[in-house]
Amino acid sequence: MVDTTVFSNVGCTAMSNATYALGTWKYVGWGTGTTAAAKTATVCENEAAETSSTKVTGTQSQNTVTTTNDELQCIGTVTCTAATKTIANAGLFNTTTTGMMMYGTFTAITVSIGDSIQFTFKLQVT
């Protein structure tokens, strides 16, 4: 039995590259709920109309933080197209409708029609 194990630099790069190659973790949703983020969340809380039925497609990339390509990144911009609302959470999904990978809450931002928020999601494999 091994007492201590680590994810090697090669392993970090391999895991990041494999996830990036899937090309699916690039869909962004937003919501108005203010409950703290939880691992059990499957959708954005009180998901707003702009992303409730189809998520916004973001742009994926990889970055080097500690070792080659060890960080996955997705940047997506959501624009308010319905009534003024206060956005307080966002999520990163693997499809345009379901499958949340990352979720976060933040200090609420009020947006009106035409306003947008750019979200950046980063996952470092360490």
Protein backbone atom coordinates (compact mmCIF):
# COMPACT_ATOMS: atom_id res chain seq x y z
CA MET A 1 0.00 0.00 0.00
CA VAL A 2 1.23 3.48 -0.87
CA ASP A 3 1.04 6.00 1.97
CA THR A 4 1.37 9.17 -0.11
CA THR A 5 0.38 9.84 -3.69
CA VAL A 6 0.44 12.97 -5.82
CA PHE A 7 -0.82 13.93 -9.23
CA SER A 8 2.42 14.35 -11.20
CA ASN A 9 3.02 17.31 -13.53
CA VAL A 10 2.64 14.95 -16.49
CA GLY A 11 -0.63 13.70 -15.01
CA CYS A 12 -1.90 17.28 -14.52
CA THR A 13 -1.16 18.12 -18.15
CA ALA A 14 -2.69 14.86 -19.39
CA MET A 15 -5.91 15.37 -17.38
CA SER A 16 -6.25 18.98 -18.50
CA ASN A 17 -5.54 18.06 -22.14
CA ALA A 18 -8.11 15.25 -22.07
CA THR A 19 -10.82 17.49 -20.62
CA TYR A 20 -9.97 20.30 -23.04
CA ALA A 21 -10.08 17.91 -26.01
CA LEU A 22 -13.69 17.03 -25.16
CA GLY A 23 -14.58 20.61 -26.07
CA THR A 24 -17.79 20.45 -24.06
CA TRP A 25 -17.19 22.49 -20.89
CA LYS A 26 -17.98 25.85 -22.49
CA TYR A 27 -21.60 26.75 -21.78
CA VAL A 28 -22.43 29.56 -19.32
CA GLY A 29 -25.61 30.22 -17.35
CA TRP A 30 -26.58 32.90 -14.81
CA GLY A 31 -29.12 33.32 -12.04
CA THR A 32 -30.55 35.69 -9.47
CA GLY A 33 -30.41 33.43 -6.39
CA THR A 34 -28.14 34.35 -3.49
CA THR A 35 -27.77 31.00 -1.70
CA ALA A 36 -24.11 30.07 -1.21
CA ALA A 37 -22.67 27.79 -3.88
CA ALA A 38 -22.83 24.08 -3.08
CA LYS A 39 -21.33 20.96 -4.66
CA THR A 40 -24.81 19.50 -4.91
CA ALA A 41 -26.07 22.27 -7.23
CA THR A 42 -27.10 21.10 -10.69
CA VAL A 43 -28.41 24.38 -12.12
CA CYS A 44 -27.97 28.09 -11.43
CA GLU A 45 -30.26 29.24 -8.65
CA ASN A 46 -33.27 31.11 -10.07
CA GLU A 47 -31.74 30.88 -13.53
CA ALA A 48 -32.62 33.99 -15.54
CA ALA A 49 -34.47 33.86 -18.86
CA GLU A 50 -31.38 34.49 -20.99
CA THR A 51 -29.85 31.12 -20.08
CA SER A 52 -32.71 29.07 -18.62
CA SER A 53 -33.39 27.09 -21.80
CA THR A 54 -30.10 27.45 -23.71
CA LYS A 55 -26.74 28.41 -22.24
CA VAL A 56 -24.39 30.96 -23.80
CA THR A 57 -21.40 29.43 -25.60
CA GLY A 58 -18.09 30.56 -24.15
CA THR A 59 -14.54 30.27 -25.45
CA GLN A 60 -12.31 27.53 -24.00
CA SER A 61 -8.55 27.77 -23.60
CA GLN A 62 -5.73 26.28 -21.58
CA ASN A 63 -3.19 28.18 -19.51
CA THR A 64 0.07 27.27 -17.84
CA VAL A 65 0.13 28.10 -14.14
CA THR A 66 2.51 25.54 -12.61
CA THR A 67 3.07 23.03 -15.39
CA THR A 68 2.20 22.99 -19.10
CA ASN A 69 -1.53 23.48 -19.79
CA ASP A 70 -2.56 22.66 -16.20
CA GLU A 71 -5.41 25.18 -16.17
CA LEU A 72 -8.66 25.02 -18.13
CA GLN A 73 -10.41 28.31 -18.77
CA CYS A 74 -13.73 29.32 -20.26
CA ILE A 75 -14.84 32.90 -20.86
CA GLY A 76 -18.48 33.58 -21.71
CA THR A 77 -20.51 36.78 -21.92
CA VAL A 78 -24.21 36.82 -21.08
CA THR A 79 -26.32 39.79 -22.19
CA CYS A 80 -29.56 40.85 -20.52
CA THR A 81 -32.38 40.62 -23.08
CA ALA A 82 -35.36 40.66 -20.73
CA ALA A 83 -36.37 42.87 -17.81
CA THR A 84 -33.86 44.40 -15.38
CA LYS A 85 -32.58 41.81 -12.92
CA THR A 86 -29.94 41.32 -10.25
CA ILE A 87 -27.48 38.55 -11.13
CA ALA A 88 -25.76 36.82 -8.19
CA ASN A 89 -24.58 33.41 -9.48
CA ALA A 90 -23.19 31.74 -12.59
CA GLY A 91 -22.37 28.24 -13.71
CA LEU A 92 -20.29 26.42 -16.32
CA PHE A 93 -22.03 23.54 -18.10
CA ASN A 94 -21.04 20.73 -20.47
CA THR A 95 -24.14 21.10 -22.67
CA THR A 96 -26.38 23.99 -23.63
CA THR A 97 -29.06 22.82 -21.20
CA THR A 98 -27.69 20.69 -18.30
CA GLY A 99 -24.56 19.22 -16.75
CA MET A 100 -23.06 21.87 -14.45
CA MET A 101 -19.32 21.52 -13.82
CA MET A 102 -18.61 24.70 -11.84
CA TYR A 103 -20.84 27.07 -9.91
CA GLY A 104 -20.24 30.27 -8.01
CA THR A 105 -22.03 33.08 -6.23
CA PHE A 106 -20.84 36.67 -6.01
CA THR A 107 -21.89 40.15 -4.93
CA ALA A 108 -25.06 40.87 -6.88
CA ILE A 109 -24.84 42.93 -10.08
CA THR A 110 -27.93 44.69 -11.43
CA VAL A 111 -28.27 44.52 -15.21
CA SER A 112 -30.74 46.18 -17.56
CA ILE A 113 -31.65 45.24 -21.12
CA GLY A 114 -28.48 45.45 -23.22
CA ASP A 115 -26.09 45.13 -20.24
CA SER A 116 -23.77 42.13 -20.14
CA ILE A 117 -21.46 40.34 -17.73
CA GLN A 118 -18.34 38.48 -18.84
CA PHE A 119 -17.69 35.39 -16.72
CA THR A 120 -14.31 33.66 -16.49
CA PHE A 121 -14.20 30.13 -15.11
CA LYS A 122 -10.79 28.60 -14.31
CA LEU A 123 -9.96 25.07 -13.16
CA GLN A 124 -6.36 24.22 -12.34
CA VAL A 125 -5.47 20.55 -12.28
CA THR A 126 -2.96 20.10 -9.45
